[in-house]
Structure formats: structure tokens, C-alpha cells
Amino acid sequence: MNFLTRLLITALVAFGLSYLLPGVHMDSFIAALILALVLALLNTLVKPILVILTFPITIITLGLFLLVINAVIILLAAKLVGGFKVDGFWWALLFSILLSVTSSLLQGTDDRKS
């Protein structure tokens, strides 16, 4: 049940951010739900591989390169999910930062209630 709650929170935040950020476009809430599922899969399967491959540059940049990896994951998700479009790398970077921070805050308050 916790996984479904996290997916729903991610979908809601992503859908809301698509209205706030002019470089991020989402057709419907169904697209946001699919995006949340695809992001969960990409973060589980692809992100660890990218982190291992880019470990030296991540160390040199003191972890800031992980933001680039997150943006790449968003751009990859935009290619995979119909109804979701990001206009460029910088929009993907901003979207990933805001999505991570907002989702973490909402999920943190959800965890405290339980």
C-alpha cells in the first residue's frame, strides 16, 4: 500500500508541476500516473547503473552530478511516456529537483501521520 501511496503522491506533484513550469507539458492525470510508474521503474533499474558508471565524476563534483542523472532520467521518461513532454535539459533538471523536494516533503508528512 505504501508503494501505491508514493506513486499517487508523485503523480499529483508531477501533474501540479506541469501547470507551474512552462517547459513541462502533461496531457492528463493518467499520463502523470504512468509517469510516476515509469519513474519508479527507471529509478530502480537504470539509475543505479548510471550512478556506478559516473561514480568518479560524482565524487569530483561532490555529488552534484546526481542532479544531472536525475534530469537524464526525466528526459528518458519523457521519451517513454506519451502525454508527457519536457522542452529541454534545464527544464528536466528543474522539474527533477522540484519533484524530488516536494514529493519528499509530502511523503515525509505522510510517514509521520502513520
N, C-alpha and C. Protein backbone atom coordinates (compact mmCIF):
# COMPACT_ATOMS: atom_id res chain seq x y z
N MET A 1 0.82 -1.20 0.00
CA MET A 1 0.00 0.00 0.00
C MET A 1 0.87 1.27 0.00
N ASN A 2 2.01 1.18 0.67
CA ASN A 2 2.92 2.31 0.74
C ASN A 2 3.43 2.69 -0.66
N PHE A 3 3.69 1.68 -1.50
CA PHE A 3 4.15 1.93 -2.86
C PHE A 3 3.09 2.69 -3.66
N LEU A 4 1.84 2.28 -3.52
CA LEU A 4 0.76 2.96 -4.23
C LEU A 4 0.58 4.40 -3.76
N THR A 5 0.75 4.61 -2.46
CA THR A 5 0.65 5.97 -1.92
C THR A 5 1.76 6.85 -2.50
N ARG A 6 2.97 6.31 -2.56
CA ARG A 6 4.09 7.07 -3.12
C ARG A 6 3.88 7.37 -4.60
N LEU A 7 3.36 6.40 -5.33
CA LEU A 7 3.06 6.64 -6.75
C LEU A 7 2.01 7.74 -6.92
N LEU A 8 0.98 7.71 -6.11
CA LEU A 8 -0.07 8.71 -6.20
C LEU A 8 0.46 10.10 -5.84
N ILE A 9 1.29 10.19 -4.81
CA ILE A 9 1.88 11.48 -4.43
C ILE A 9 2.78 12.01 -5.54
N THR A 10 3.60 11.12 -6.11
CA THR A 10 4.48 11.53 -7.21
C THR A 10 3.67 12.00 -8.41
N ALA A 11 2.59 11.29 -8.72
CA ALA A 11 1.75 11.68 -9.85
C ALA A 11 1.09 13.03 -9.60
N LEU A 12 0.59 13.25 -8.41
CA LEU A 12 -0.04 14.53 -8.09
C LEU A 12 0.95 15.69 -8.18
N VAL A 13 2.14 15.48 -7.64
CA VAL A 13 3.17 16.53 -7.68
C VAL A 13 3.60 16.80 -9.12
N ALA A 14 3.81 15.75 -9.90
CA ALA A 14 4.22 15.92 -11.29
C ALA A 14 3.14 16.65 -12.09
N PHE A 15 1.89 16.30 -11.85
CA PHE A 15 0.79 16.95 -12.55
C PHE A 15 0.70 18.43 -12.17
N GLY A 16 0.90 18.72 -10.89
CA GLY A 16 0.89 20.11 -10.45
C GLY A 16 2.06 20.91 -11.01
N LEU A 17 3.23 20.29 -11.05
CA LEU A 17 4.41 20.98 -11.59
C LEU A 17 4.27 21.25 -13.08
N SER A 18 3.53 20.41 -13.78
CA SER A 18 3.34 20.64 -15.21
C SER A 18 2.53 21.92 -15.46
N TYR A 19 1.72 22.32 -14.50
CA TYR A 19 1.00 23.59 -14.62
C TYR A 19 1.86 24.78 -14.23
N LEU A 20 2.81 24.56 -13.33
CA LEU A 20 3.65 25.66 -12.85
C LEU A 20 4.84 25.95 -13.76
N LEU A 21 5.39 24.91 -14.38
CA LEU A 21 6.58 25.08 -15.21
C LEU A 21 6.20 25.11 -16.68
N PRO A 22 6.48 26.20 -17.38
CA PRO A 22 6.08 26.31 -18.78
C PRO A 22 6.84 25.36 -19.72
N GLY A 23 7.95 24.80 -19.29
CA GLY A 23 8.72 23.89 -20.14
C GLY A 23 8.36 22.43 -19.96
N VAL A 24 7.38 22.15 -19.09
CA VAL A 24 6.96 20.78 -18.82
C VAL A 24 5.49 20.68 -19.18
N HIS A 25 5.15 19.70 -20.02
CA HIS A 25 3.77 19.56 -20.51
C HIS A 25 3.24 18.16 -20.20
N MET A 26 2.03 18.11 -19.64
CA MET A 26 1.39 16.85 -19.33
C MET A 26 -0.05 16.92 -19.79
N ASP A 27 -0.48 15.91 -20.55
CA ASP A 27 -1.82 15.92 -21.13
C ASP A 27 -2.92 15.65 -20.12
N SER A 28 -2.72 14.68 -19.23
CA SER A 28 -3.79 14.29 -18.31
C SER A 28 -3.20 13.71 -17.04
N PHE A 29 -4.07 13.47 -16.07
CA PHE A 29 -3.62 12.86 -14.82
C PHE A 29 -3.24 11.40 -15.05
N ILE A 30 -3.85 10.76 -16.02
CA ILE A 30 -3.47 9.38 -16.36
C ILE A 30 -2.01 9.36 -16.82
N ALA A 31 -1.62 10.33 -17.62
CA ALA A 31 -0.22 10.43 -18.05
C ALA A 31 0.69 10.63 -16.83
N ALA A 32 0.22 11.39 -15.84
CA ALA A 32 1.01 11.59 -14.62
C ALA A 32 1.15 10.29 -13.84
N LEU A 33 0.11 9.49 -13.78
CA LEU A 33 0.19 8.19 -13.11
C LEU A 33 1.17 7.26 -13.83
N ILE A 34 1.10 7.26 -15.16
CA ILE A 34 2.02 6.43 -15.94
C ILE A 34 3.45 6.94 -15.75
N LEU A 35 3.62 8.26 -15.73
CA LEU A 35 4.94 8.85 -15.49
C LEU A 35 5.49 8.41 -14.14
N ALA A 36 4.67 8.44 -13.11
CA ALA A 36 5.12 8.04 -11.78
C ALA A 36 5.57 6.58 -11.78
N LEU A 37 4.85 5.72 -12.47
CA LEU A 37 5.23 4.31 -12.55
C LEU A 37 6.52 4.13 -13.34
N VAL A 38 6.65 4.83 -14.47
CA VAL A 38 7.86 4.74 -15.28
C VAL A 38 9.06 5.30 -14.51
N LEU A 39 8.88 6.40 -13.80
CA LEU A 39 9.98 6.95 -13.00
C LEU A 39 10.41 5.97 -11.90
N ALA A 40 9.45 5.30 -11.29
CA ALA A 40 9.79 4.30 -10.27
C ALA A 40 10.61 3.17 -10.88
N LEU A 41 10.21 2.72 -12.06
CA LEU A 41 10.96 1.65 -12.74
C LEU A 41 12.35 2.11 -13.17
N LEU A 42 12.44 3.30 -13.75
CA LEU A 42 13.74 3.82 -14.18
C LEU A 42 14.66 4.06 -12.99
N ASN A 43 14.12 4.57 -11.90
CA ASN A 43 14.94 4.80 -10.71
C ASN A 43 15.40 3.49 -10.08
N THR A 44 14.64 2.43 -10.28
CA THR A 44 15.02 1.13 -9.73
C THR A 44 16.02 0.41 -10.63
N LEU A 45 15.83 0.49 -11.95
CA LEU A 45 16.63 -0.30 -12.88
C LEU A 45 17.79 0.46 -13.52
N VAL A 46 17.55 1.68 -13.99
CA VAL A 46 18.55 2.40 -14.78
C VAL A 46 19.45 3.29 -13.92
N LYS A 47 18.86 3.96 -12.95
CA LYS A 47 19.63 4.92 -12.16
C LYS A 47 20.83 4.29 -11.45
N PRO A 48 20.70 3.11 -10.83
CA PRO A 48 21.90 2.54 -10.19
C PRO A 48 23.04 2.28 -11.18
N ILE A 49 22.71 1.88 -12.40
CA ILE A 49 23.74 1.65 -13.41
C ILE A 49 24.43 2.96 -13.76
N LEU A 50 23.64 4.02 -13.95
CA LEU A 50 24.22 5.33 -14.27
C LEU A 50 25.08 5.85 -13.12
N VAL A 51 24.65 5.62 -11.90
CA VAL A 51 25.42 6.08 -10.74
C VAL A 51 26.76 5.36 -10.68
N ILE A 52 26.77 4.06 -10.94
CA ILE A 52 28.02 3.31 -10.91
C ILE A 52 28.95 3.77 -12.03
N LEU A 53 28.40 3.96 -13.23
CA LEU A 53 29.22 4.37 -14.36
C LEU A 53 29.81 5.77 -14.20
N THR A 54 29.10 6.63 -13.49
CA THR A 54 29.56 8.01 -13.34
C THR A 54 30.11 8.29 -11.94
N PHE A 55 30.49 7.25 -11.23
CA PHE A 55 30.96 7.41 -9.86
C PHE A 55 32.14 8.38 -9.73
N PRO A 56 33.16 8.28 -10.59
CA PRO A 56 34.29 9.22 -10.44
C PRO A 56 33.88 10.69 -10.58
N ILE A 57 33.07 11.01 -11.56
CA ILE A 57 32.66 12.41 -11.73
C ILE A 57 31.72 12.84 -10.60
N THR A 58 30.95 11.90 -10.05
CA THR A 58 30.10 12.22 -8.91
C THR A 58 30.95 12.57 -7.70
N ILE A 59 32.02 11.86 -7.49
CA ILE A 59 32.92 12.16 -6.38
C ILE A 59 33.59 13.52 -6.58
N ILE A 60 34.06 13.78 -7.79
CA ILE A 60 34.74 15.05 -8.08
C ILE A 60 33.81 16.24 -7.87
N THR A 61 32.54 16.09 -8.25
CA THR A 61 31.57 17.19 -8.12
C THR A 61 30.85 17.18 -6.77
N LEU A 62 31.33 16.34 -5.85
CA LEU A 62 30.75 16.24 -4.50
C LEU A 62 29.25 15.87 -4.54
N GLY A 63 28.88 15.04 -5.49
CA GLY A 63 27.52 14.54 -5.57
C GLY A 63 26.58 15.35 -6.43
N LEU A 64 27.02 16.51 -6.89
CA LEU A 64 26.13 17.35 -7.69
C LEU A 64 25.80 16.73 -9.05
N PHE A 65 26.64 15.82 -9.53
CA PHE A 65 26.36 15.17 -10.80
C PHE A 65 25.12 14.28 -10.72
N LEU A 66 24.71 13.91 -9.52
CA LEU A 66 23.47 13.13 -9.36
C LEU A 66 22.26 13.93 -9.85
N LEU A 67 22.32 15.25 -9.78
CA LEU A 67 21.24 16.07 -10.32
C LEU A 67 21.15 15.90 -11.83
N VAL A 68 22.29 15.79 -12.49
CA VAL A 68 22.32 15.56 -13.93
C VAL A 68 21.72 14.19 -14.25
N ILE A 69 22.06 13.19 -13.45
CA ILE A 69 21.49 11.86 -13.66
C ILE A 69 19.98 11.90 -13.50
N ASN A 70 19.49 12.62 -12.51
CA ASN A 70 18.04 12.75 -12.33
C ASN A 70 17.39 13.42 -13.54
N ALA A 71 18.03 14.44 -14.09
CA ALA A 71 17.49 15.11 -15.28
C ALA A 71 17.48 14.16 -16.47
N VAL A 72 18.51 13.35 -16.61
CA VAL A 72 18.55 12.37 -17.70
C VAL A 72 17.43 11.35 -17.55
N ILE A 73 17.15 10.94 -16.32
CA ILE A 73 16.04 10.00 -16.06
C ILE A 73 14.71 10.65 -16.46
N ILE A 74 14.53 11.92 -16.16
CA ILE A 74 13.30 12.64 -16.56
C ILE A 74 13.20 12.71 -18.07
N LEU A 75 14.29 13.02 -18.75
CA LEU A 75 14.27 13.09 -20.22
C LEU A 75 13.98 11.72 -20.82
N LEU A 76 14.52 10.66 -20.24
CA LEU A 76 14.23 9.31 -20.71
C LEU A 76 12.76 8.96 -20.49
N ALA A 77 12.22 9.35 -19.36
CA ALA A 77 10.81 9.11 -19.09
C ALA A 77 9.93 9.88 -20.07
N ALA A 78 10.35 11.08 -20.46
CA ALA A 78 9.58 11.87 -21.43
C ALA A 78 9.53 11.17 -22.78
N LYS A 79 10.61 10.44 -23.11
CA LYS A 79 10.62 9.68 -24.37
C LYS A 79 9.69 8.47 -24.30
N LEU A 80 9.55 7.90 -23.11
CA LEU A 80 8.78 6.66 -22.95
C LEU A 80 7.29 6.88 -22.69
N VAL A 81 6.94 8.00 -22.07
CA VAL A 81 5.55 8.23 -21.67
C VAL A 81 4.87 9.17 -22.66
N GLY A 82 3.84 8.67 -23.29
CA GLY A 82 3.04 9.53 -24.16
C GLY A 82 2.23 10.50 -23.31
N GLY A 83 2.13 11.72 -23.76
CA GLY A 83 1.39 12.72 -22.99
C GLY A 83 2.24 13.49 -22.01
N PHE A 84 3.55 13.21 -21.98
CA PHE A 84 4.48 13.93 -21.11
C PHE A 84 5.63 14.42 -21.97
N LYS A 85 5.91 15.72 -21.89
CA LYS A 85 6.96 16.31 -22.71
C LYS A 85 7.73 17.33 -21.89
N VAL A 86 9.05 17.32 -22.06
CA VAL A 86 9.93 18.30 -21.41
C VAL A 86 10.69 19.00 -22.52
N ASP A 87 10.73 20.34 -22.47
CA ASP A 87 11.31 21.13 -23.55
C ASP A 87 12.82 21.10 -23.63
N GLY A 88 13.51 20.69 -22.60
CA GLY A 88 14.97 20.65 -22.66
C GLY A 88 15.58 20.19 -21.36
N PHE A 89 16.92 20.12 -21.38
CA PHE A 89 17.65 19.63 -20.21
C PHE A 89 17.40 20.47 -18.97
N TRP A 90 17.44 21.79 -19.11
CA TRP A 90 17.30 22.66 -17.94
C TRP A 90 15.91 22.55 -17.31
N TRP A 91 14.88 22.38 -18.15
CA TRP A 91 13.54 22.16 -17.61
C TRP A 91 13.46 20.82 -16.90
N ALA A 92 14.13 19.81 -17.46
CA ALA A 92 14.16 18.49 -16.82
C ALA A 92 14.88 18.56 -15.48
N LEU A 93 15.98 19.34 -15.43
CA LEU A 93 16.72 19.50 -14.19
C LEU A 93 15.86 20.19 -13.12
N LEU A 94 15.22 21.28 -13.49
CA LEU A 94 14.36 22.00 -12.55
C LEU A 94 13.18 21.13 -12.11
N PHE A 95 12.57 20.42 -13.07
CA PHE A 95 11.45 19.54 -12.75
C PHE A 95 11.89 18.43 -11.79
N SER A 96 13.06 17.85 -12.03
CA SER A 96 13.51 16.76 -11.16
C SER A 96 13.80 17.25 -9.74
N ILE A 97 14.38 18.44 -9.64
CA ILE A 97 14.67 18.99 -8.31
C ILE A 97 13.37 19.27 -7.56
N LEU A 98 12.44 19.96 -8.22
CA LEU A 98 11.17 20.29 -7.56
C LEU A 98 10.35 19.05 -7.26
N LEU A 99 10.36 18.07 -8.16
CA LEU A 99 9.63 16.82 -7.93
C LEU A 99 10.21 16.08 -6.73
N SER A 100 11.51 16.01 -6.64
CA SER A 100 12.15 15.31 -5.52
C SER A 100 11.87 16.00 -4.19
N VAL A 101 12.05 17.31 -4.16
CA VAL A 101 11.86 18.04 -2.91
C VAL A 101 10.40 17.99 -2.45
N THR A 102 9.48 18.28 -3.36
CA THR A 102 8.07 18.31 -3.00
C THR A 102 7.56 16.93 -2.62
N SER A 103 7.92 15.92 -3.38
CA SER A 103 7.49 14.55 -3.05
C SER A 103 8.05 14.11 -1.70
N SER A 104 9.30 14.44 -1.44
CA SER A 104 9.91 14.08 -0.16
C SER A 104 9.20 14.75 1.01
N LEU A 105 8.88 16.03 0.84
CA LEU A 105 8.17 16.74 1.90
C LEU A 105 6.79 16.14 2.16
N LEU A 106 6.06 15.85 1.08
CA LEU A 106 4.72 15.28 1.24
C LEU A 106 4.76 13.86 1.78
N GLN A 107 5.71 13.07 1.33
CA GLN A 107 5.82 11.70 1.82
C GLN A 107 6.34 11.68 3.26
N GLY A 108 7.15 12.67 3.60
CA GLY A 108 7.64 12.77 4.98
C GLY A 108 6.52 13.08 5.94
N THR A 109 5.61 13.98 5.56
CA THR A 109 4.48 14.29 6.41
C THR A 109 3.52 13.11 6.45
N ASP A 110 3.42 12.35 5.35
CA ASP A 110 2.56 11.17 5.31
C ASP A 110 3.10 10.09 6.23
N ASP A 111 4.42 9.92 6.29
CA ASP A 111 5.02 8.92 7.15
C ASP A 111 4.87 9.25 8.62
N ARG A 112 4.88 10.53 8.97
CA ARG A 112 4.73 10.95 10.36
C ARG A 112 3.32 10.71 10.89
N LYS A 113 2.32 10.73 10.00
CA LYS A 113 0.95 10.51 10.42
C LYS A 113 0.70 9.06 10.81
N SER A 114 1.43 8.14 10.19
CA SER A 114 1.22 6.71 10.44
C SER A 114 1.73 6.30 11.79
